[in-house]
N, C-alpha and C. Protein backbone atom coordinates (compact mmCIF):
# COMPACT_ATOMS: atom_id res chain seq x y z
N MET A 1 -143.69 -24.63 -17.79
CA MET A 1 -142.56 -25.74 -17.62
C MET A 1 -143.24 -26.88 -17.76
N HIS A 2 -144.13 -27.28 -17.53
CA HIS A 2 -144.41 -29.00 -17.91
C HIS A 2 -144.50 -28.84 -19.45
N MET A 3 -144.74 -28.09 -20.37
CA MET A 3 -145.03 -28.64 -21.38
C MET A 3 -143.15 -28.51 -22.04
N ALA A 4 -142.43 -27.73 -21.57
CA ALA A 4 -140.88 -27.83 -21.53
C ALA A 4 -140.51 -29.22 -21.54
N ALA A 5 -140.96 -29.54 -20.39
CA ALA A 5 -140.40 -30.78 -19.77
C ALA A 5 -141.11 -31.84 -20.73
N MET A 6 -142.20 -31.90 -21.39
CA MET A 6 -142.46 -32.83 -22.05
C MET A 6 -142.01 -33.09 -23.74
N ARG A 7 -141.58 -31.84 -24.02
CA ARG A 7 -140.77 -31.62 -25.10
C ARG A 7 -139.25 -31.90 -24.90
N ASN A 8 -138.91 -32.27 -23.71
CA ASN A 8 -137.59 -32.35 -23.14
C ASN A 8 -136.75 -31.61 -23.62
N ASP A 9 -137.14 -30.49 -23.19
CA ASP A 9 -136.16 -29.17 -23.48
C ASP A 9 -135.74 -28.88 -21.99
N GLN A 10 -134.51 -29.42 -21.71
CA GLN A 10 -134.25 -28.98 -20.29
C GLN A 10 -133.39 -28.07 -20.03
N GLU A 11 -133.30 -27.08 -21.16
CA GLU A 11 -132.69 -25.91 -21.03
C GLU A 11 -133.92 -24.89 -20.61
N LYS A 12 -135.22 -25.31 -21.26
CA LYS A 12 -136.02 -23.91 -20.72
C LYS A 12 -136.56 -24.32 -19.35
N VAL A 13 -136.74 -25.66 -18.84
CA VAL A 13 -137.04 -25.66 -17.98
C VAL A 13 -136.15 -25.40 -16.95
N PHE A 14 -134.69 -25.52 -16.98
CA PHE A 14 -133.71 -24.80 -15.87
C PHE A 14 -133.99 -23.40 -15.84
N GLU A 15 -134.01 -22.83 -17.11
CA GLU A 15 -134.30 -21.07 -17.65
C GLU A 15 -135.74 -20.87 -16.32
N LEU A 16 -136.59 -21.67 -16.65
CA LEU A 16 -137.98 -21.28 -15.98
C LEU A 16 -137.70 -21.26 -14.24
N ALA A 17 -137.30 -22.47 -13.89
CA ALA A 17 -136.96 -22.58 -12.95
C ALA A 17 -135.94 -21.64 -12.00
N ALA A 18 -134.62 -21.29 -12.86
CA ALA A 18 -133.72 -20.51 -12.22
C ALA A 18 -134.55 -18.86 -12.53
N SER A 19 -135.30 -18.44 -13.16
CA SER A 19 -136.20 -17.25 -12.72
C SER A 19 -136.87 -16.64 -11.62
N GLY A 20 -137.42 -18.08 -10.83
CA GLY A 20 -138.37 -17.87 -9.85
C GLY A 20 -139.49 -17.11 -10.30
N HIS A 21 -140.32 -17.43 -11.27
CA HIS A 21 -141.58 -17.19 -11.71
C HIS A 21 -142.04 -18.54 -11.90
N VAL A 22 -141.51 -19.42 -11.97
CA VAL A 22 -142.13 -20.92 -11.95
C VAL A 22 -141.41 -21.70 -10.95
N SER A 23 -142.44 -22.92 -10.06
CA SER A 23 -142.14 -23.34 -9.49
C SER A 23 -141.99 -24.56 -9.81
N VAL A 24 -141.05 -25.42 -9.36
CA VAL A 24 -140.68 -26.93 -9.89
C VAL A 24 -141.84 -28.03 -9.40
N THR A 25 -142.33 -27.24 -8.01
CA THR A 25 -143.67 -27.97 -7.53
C THR A 25 -145.20 -27.54 -8.03
N ALA A 26 -145.06 -26.75 -9.02
CA ALA A 26 -146.70 -26.36 -9.01
C ALA A 26 -147.14 -27.45 -10.11
N THR A 27 -148.52 -27.55 -9.86
CA THR A 27 -149.51 -28.05 -10.23
C THR A 27 -150.27 -27.50 -11.37
N ASP A 28 -150.65 -28.45 -12.84
CA ASP A 28 -151.44 -28.06 -13.64
C ASP A 28 -153.02 -27.99 -13.07
N ALA A 29 -153.67 -27.68 -14.11
CA ALA A 29 -155.37 -27.85 -14.21
C ALA A 29 -155.96 -29.30 -13.25
N LEU A 30 -155.12 -30.47 -13.78
CA LEU A 30 -155.54 -31.73 -13.36
C LEU A 30 -154.66 -32.22 -12.19
N GLY A 31 -154.08 -31.27 -11.64
CA GLY A 31 -153.63 -31.34 -10.59
C GLY A 31 -152.27 -32.15 -10.58
N ARG A 32 -151.70 -32.69 -11.35
CA ARG A 32 -150.10 -33.36 -11.95
C ARG A 32 -148.97 -32.34 -12.20
N THR A 33 -147.65 -32.89 -11.44
CA THR A 33 -146.51 -32.13 -11.11
C THR A 33 -145.65 -32.33 -12.07
N LEU A 34 -144.78 -31.68 -12.30
CA LEU A 34 -144.01 -32.14 -13.51
C LEU A 34 -143.27 -33.38 -13.54
N PHE A 35 -143.11 -34.18 -12.67
CA PHE A 35 -142.91 -35.34 -12.53
C PHE A 35 -144.25 -36.27 -13.01
N HIS A 36 -145.28 -36.08 -12.97
CA HIS A 36 -146.48 -36.71 -13.55
C HIS A 36 -146.13 -36.31 -15.44
N HIS A 37 -145.50 -35.13 -15.52
CA HIS A 37 -145.64 -35.10 -17.16
C HIS A 37 -143.97 -35.90 -17.61
N LEU A 38 -143.45 -35.79 -16.88
CA LEU A 38 -141.83 -36.49 -17.47
C LEU A 38 -142.28 -38.01 -17.40
N ALA A 39 -142.97 -38.54 -16.65
CA ALA A 39 -143.07 -40.06 -16.40
C ALA A 39 -144.17 -40.22 -17.61
N ALA A 40 -145.04 -39.71 -17.92
CA ALA A 40 -146.08 -39.77 -18.93
C ALA A 40 -145.56 -40.02 -20.68
N ALA A 41 -144.22 -38.69 -20.42
CA ALA A 41 -143.79 -38.37 -21.86
C ALA A 41 -142.11 -39.04 -21.57
N SER A 42 -141.91 -40.15 -20.72
CA SER A 42 -140.93 -41.17 -20.73
C SER A 42 -139.65 -40.31 -20.55
N ARG A 43 -139.81 -39.22 -19.95
CA ARG A 43 -138.39 -38.31 -19.55
C ARG A 43 -137.85 -38.90 -18.48
N SER A 44 -137.47 -39.87 -18.40
CA SER A 44 -136.69 -40.53 -17.40
C SER A 44 -135.03 -39.75 -16.97
N ALA A 45 -134.51 -39.38 -17.78
CA ALA A 45 -133.03 -38.48 -17.55
C ALA A 45 -133.26 -37.20 -16.81
N MET A 46 -134.55 -36.77 -17.14
CA MET A 46 -134.99 -35.38 -16.30
C MET A 46 -135.11 -35.28 -14.83
N ILE A 47 -135.66 -36.62 -14.44
CA ILE A 47 -136.39 -36.78 -12.72
C ILE A 47 -134.89 -36.26 -12.02
N PRO A 48 -133.89 -36.84 -11.60
CA PRO A 48 -133.34 -36.44 -10.71
C PRO A 48 -132.70 -35.16 -10.76
N GLN A 49 -132.79 -34.46 -11.95
CA GLN A 49 -132.38 -32.93 -12.05
C GLN A 49 -133.35 -32.44 -11.59
N ILE A 50 -134.76 -32.51 -11.54
CA ILE A 50 -135.88 -32.04 -10.68
C ILE A 50 -135.95 -32.14 -9.47
N VAL A 51 -135.56 -33.42 -9.31
CA VAL A 51 -135.13 -33.64 -8.18
C VAL A 51 -134.61 -32.67 -7.29
N ALA A 52 -133.16 -32.43 -7.65
CA ALA A 52 -131.91 -31.65 -7.67
C ALA A 52 -132.59 -30.03 -7.23
N LEU A 53 -133.69 -29.82 -8.07
CA LEU A 53 -134.06 -28.51 -8.39
C LEU A 53 -134.94 -28.04 -6.79
N GLY A 54 -135.24 -29.09 -6.00
CA GLY A 54 -136.09 -28.86 -5.16
C GLY A 54 -137.93 -29.54 -5.41
N GLY A 55 -137.84 -30.51 -6.22
CA GLY A 55 -138.85 -31.07 -6.91
C GLY A 55 -139.36 -32.49 -5.75
N ASP A 56 -138.37 -32.81 -4.78
CA ASP A 56 -138.51 -33.53 -4.30
C ASP A 56 -139.78 -34.09 -3.17
N ASP A 57 -140.02 -32.78 -3.00
CA ASP A 57 -141.10 -32.63 -2.06
C ASP A 57 -142.63 -33.00 -2.90
N VAL A 58 -142.84 -32.96 -4.01
CA VAL A 58 -144.02 -33.52 -4.94
C VAL A 58 -143.94 -35.08 -5.53
N ILE A 59 -142.52 -35.54 -5.28
CA ILE A 59 -142.55 -36.51 -6.14
C ILE A 59 -143.58 -37.82 -6.05
N ASP A 60 -144.12 -37.71 -4.98
CA ASP A 60 -145.06 -38.70 -4.38
C ASP A 60 -146.74 -37.84 -4.54
N ALA A 61 -147.31 -36.73 -5.40
CA ALA A 61 -147.98 -35.93 -5.26
C ALA A 61 -148.99 -37.12 -6.36
N GLN A 62 -150.42 -37.10 -5.78
CA GLN A 62 -151.39 -37.66 -6.38
C GLN A 62 -151.96 -36.35 -7.39
N ASP A 63 -152.55 -37.02 -8.46
CA ASP A 63 -153.61 -36.10 -9.42
C ASP A 63 -154.63 -36.25 -8.88
N HIS A 64 -155.59 -35.17 -9.77
CA HIS A 64 -157.39 -35.09 -9.24
C HIS A 64 -157.46 -36.33 -9.55
N ALA A 65 -157.49 -37.40 -10.36
CA ALA A 65 -157.48 -38.96 -10.80
C ALA A 65 -157.31 -39.77 -9.64
N GLY A 66 -156.27 -39.38 -8.62
CA GLY A 66 -155.40 -40.36 -7.85
C GLY A 66 -154.31 -40.61 -8.15
N ASP A 67 -153.55 -40.53 -9.57
CA ASP A 67 -152.33 -41.04 -9.68
C ASP A 67 -151.38 -40.87 -9.44
N THR A 68 -150.06 -41.20 -8.96
CA THR A 68 -148.95 -40.29 -9.05
C THR A 68 -148.36 -40.78 -10.15
N ALA A 69 -147.00 -40.36 -10.17
CA ALA A 69 -145.98 -40.08 -11.08
C ALA A 69 -145.75 -41.65 -11.32
N LEU A 70 -145.67 -42.28 -10.33
CA LEU A 70 -145.07 -43.79 -10.60
C LEU A 70 -146.27 -44.57 -11.22
N THR A 71 -147.39 -44.28 -10.93
CA THR A 71 -148.40 -44.97 -11.64
C THR A 71 -148.77 -44.99 -12.82
N LEU A 72 -148.61 -43.39 -13.28
CA LEU A 72 -148.33 -43.22 -14.38
C LEU A 72 -147.30 -43.95 -15.60
N ALA A 73 -146.22 -43.45 -14.65
CA ALA A 73 -144.97 -44.52 -15.39
C ALA A 73 -145.39 -45.77 -15.56
N VAL A 74 -145.90 -46.61 -14.80
CA VAL A 74 -146.20 -48.11 -14.93
C VAL A 74 -147.18 -48.23 -16.09
N SER A 75 -148.44 -47.13 -15.93
CA SER A 75 -149.19 -47.71 -17.09
C SER A 75 -149.17 -46.84 -18.37
N SER A 76 -148.69 -45.69 -18.36
CA SER A 76 -148.21 -45.25 -19.79
C SER A 76 -147.21 -44.90 -20.52
N ALA A 77 -146.01 -45.01 -19.95
CA ALA A 77 -144.77 -44.02 -20.01
C ALA A 77 -144.33 -45.58 -21.18
N ALA A 78 -143.30 -45.23 -22.47
CA ALA A 78 -143.17 -45.83 -23.62
C ALA A 78 -142.08 -46.66 -23.01
N ASP A 79 -141.37 -45.77 -22.37
CA ASP A 79 -139.96 -46.62 -21.57
C ASP A 79 -140.32 -46.25 -20.11
N ALA A 80 -141.10 -47.35 -20.16
CA ALA A 80 -141.58 -47.54 -18.70
C ALA A 80 -141.00 -47.94 -17.49
N GLU A 81 -139.79 -49.01 -18.03
CA GLU A 81 -139.08 -49.24 -16.81
C GLU A 81 -137.78 -48.26 -16.32
N ALA A 82 -137.16 -47.50 -17.20
CA ALA A 82 -136.30 -46.58 -17.03
C ALA A 82 -137.07 -45.59 -16.27
N CYS A 83 -138.44 -45.18 -16.71
CA CYS A 83 -139.21 -43.99 -16.05
C CYS A 83 -138.99 -44.41 -14.47
N VAL A 84 -139.81 -45.74 -13.82
CA VAL A 84 -140.03 -46.59 -12.73
C VAL A 84 -138.82 -46.40 -11.98
N ARG A 85 -137.65 -47.21 -12.52
CA ARG A 85 -136.50 -46.89 -12.04
C ARG A 85 -136.12 -45.62 -11.15
N ALA A 86 -135.78 -44.67 -12.41
CA ALA A 86 -135.61 -43.32 -12.17
C ALA A 86 -136.44 -42.68 -10.55
N LEU A 87 -138.12 -43.06 -10.98
CA LEU A 87 -138.91 -42.29 -9.88
C LEU A 87 -137.95 -42.83 -8.56
N LEU A 88 -138.05 -44.41 -8.63
CA LEU A 88 -137.79 -44.97 -7.45
C LEU A 88 -136.36 -44.50 -6.75
N GLU A 89 -135.52 -44.77 -7.46
CA GLU A 89 -134.02 -44.16 -7.41
C GLU A 89 -133.92 -42.47 -6.47
N ALA A 90 -135.20 -41.48 -6.96
CA ALA A 90 -135.07 -40.63 -6.50
C ALA A 90 -136.03 -40.37 -5.37
N GLY A 91 -136.72 -41.42 -4.98
CA GLY A 91 -137.47 -41.49 -3.37
C GLY A 91 -138.61 -41.97 -3.68
N ALA A 92 -139.40 -42.09 -4.97
CA ALA A 92 -140.78 -42.12 -4.98
C ALA A 92 -141.22 -43.46 -4.09
N ASP A 93 -142.57 -43.27 -3.59
CA ASP A 93 -142.95 -44.46 -2.75
C ASP A 93 -144.32 -45.27 -3.63
N PRO A 94 -143.65 -46.65 -3.29
CA PRO A 94 -144.31 -47.58 -4.27
C PRO A 94 -145.66 -48.10 -3.88
N SER A 95 -145.42 -47.62 -2.69
CA SER A 95 -146.96 -48.62 -1.47
C SER A 95 -147.96 -47.52 -1.79
N ILE A 96 -148.15 -46.29 -2.45
CA ILE A 96 -149.10 -45.05 -2.72
C ILE A 96 -150.16 -46.00 -4.01
N PRO A 97 -150.97 -46.24 -3.91
CA PRO A 97 -152.33 -46.65 -4.75
C PRO A 97 -152.18 -45.22 -5.84
N GLY A 98 -152.84 -45.70 -7.06
CA GLY A 98 -153.13 -44.78 -7.96
C GLY A 98 -154.94 -45.06 -8.46
N ARG A 99 -155.01 -44.55 -9.23
CA ARG A 99 -156.67 -44.57 -9.68
C ARG A 99 -156.86 -45.72 -9.52
N GLY A 100 -158.05 -45.73 -8.91
CA GLY A 100 -158.93 -47.63 -8.92
C GLY A 100 -158.46 -48.38 -7.51
N GLY A 101 -157.62 -47.66 -6.77
CA GLY A 101 -156.96 -48.22 -5.77
C GLY A 101 -155.85 -49.02 -6.28
N LEU A 102 -155.71 -49.25 -7.24
CA LEU A 102 -154.20 -50.23 -7.71
C LEU A 102 -152.99 -49.70 -7.37
N LEU A 103 -152.05 -50.49 -6.93
CA LEU A 103 -150.55 -50.11 -6.27
C LEU A 103 -149.88 -50.43 -7.47
N PRO A 104 -149.00 -49.60 -7.84
CA PRO A 104 -147.53 -49.62 -9.01
C PRO A 104 -147.48 -51.13 -9.66
N VAL A 105 -147.09 -51.83 -8.30
CA VAL A 105 -146.87 -53.21 -8.68
C VAL A 105 -148.21 -54.08 -8.86
N GLU A 106 -149.25 -53.80 -8.88
CA GLU A 106 -150.64 -54.63 -9.18
C GLU A 106 -150.71 -54.14 -10.79
N LEU A 107 -150.55 -52.70 -11.28
CA LEU A 107 -150.89 -52.46 -12.61
C LEU A 107 -149.51 -53.20 -13.25
N ALA A 108 -148.27 -53.35 -12.67
CA ALA A 108 -147.06 -53.85 -13.69
C ALA A 108 -147.82 -55.46 -13.58
N ASP A 109 -148.22 -56.12 -12.91
CA ASP A 109 -148.63 -57.33 -12.87
C ASP A 109 -149.73 -57.61 -13.61
N LEU A 110 -150.78 -56.76 -13.77
CA LEU A 110 -151.58 -56.81 -14.82
C LEU A 110 -151.48 -56.68 -16.14
N ALA A 111 -150.96 -55.73 -16.69
CA ALA A 111 -149.88 -55.53 -17.81
C ALA A 111 -149.07 -56.82 -18.26
N GLY A 112 -148.42 -57.54 -17.32
CA GLY A 112 -147.57 -58.64 -17.44
C GLY A 112 -146.20 -57.90 -18.01
N GLN A 113 -145.79 -56.86 -17.15
CA GLN A 113 -144.71 -56.07 -16.93
C GLN A 113 -143.58 -56.93 -15.78
N ARG A 114 -143.45 -57.89 -16.21
CA ARG A 114 -142.61 -58.73 -14.83
C ARG A 114 -141.40 -58.03 -14.29
N ALA A 115 -140.40 -57.08 -15.53
CA ALA A 115 -139.71 -56.41 -14.80
C ALA A 115 -139.37 -55.47 -13.80
N ILE A 116 -140.80 -54.97 -14.62
CA ILE A 116 -140.80 -53.80 -13.87
C ILE A 116 -141.60 -54.11 -12.45
N ALA A 117 -142.15 -55.16 -12.06
CA ALA A 117 -143.04 -55.53 -11.12
C ALA A 117 -141.82 -55.99 -10.10
N SER A 118 -141.18 -56.94 -10.86
CA SER A 118 -139.92 -56.98 -9.75
C SER A 118 -138.99 -56.26 -9.46
N LEU A 119 -139.03 -55.11 -9.96
CA LEU A 119 -138.07 -53.35 -9.47
C LEU A 119 -139.15 -52.62 -8.50
N LEU A 120 -140.44 -52.71 -8.66
CA LEU A 120 -141.12 -52.10 -7.75
C LEU A 120 -141.18 -53.07 -6.30
N ARG A 121 -141.10 -54.46 -6.55
CA ARG A 121 -141.05 -54.98 -5.60
C ARG A 121 -139.76 -54.84 -4.67
N GLU A 122 -138.83 -54.91 -5.36
CA GLU A 122 -137.30 -54.54 -4.77
C GLU A 122 -137.48 -53.26 -3.72
N TYR A 123 -138.02 -52.28 -4.33
CA TYR A 123 -138.10 -51.00 -3.75
C TYR A 123 -139.10 -50.89 -2.48
N GLY A 124 -139.77 -52.14 -2.71
CA GLY A 124 -141.54 -51.74 -1.67
C GLY A 124 -142.28 -52.86 -0.99
C-alpha cells in the first residue's frame, strides 16, 4: 500500500484498503505510516482520503528516527506547503518534535520557509 501511495496509485490504495488484507495504519520496516510516505512523495491530495479510511489514528505517529509525517513534509516534500496544509487540516499535531528534537515550525524557520512557518504557527 505504501508503494502504491508513493506512485499516486489511488485506485490500488483503495483496492488494498477495501480488501481488508492491508491496514491503512500499517507501518513499514522504518516505522513509517502511509502518511509518512504521502508526505515524502508530495501526495497531499490523498491525505484526506486516507483519514476517511481510518488512518487518522496514526497521523501523528513517529517513525524509528523520530519523524512524523508533518516533519517529513516540512523537510522533504517537493510541494511542502500543500502537504503541510493537508496534514494540519487532517488533524496533525504541530507540537510534536521530529528527529533531533526540532518542531516542524523550527525546521521551516531554519529552511527559510516563511509561508510554511506561518501556517504551522496558525495551527500550533
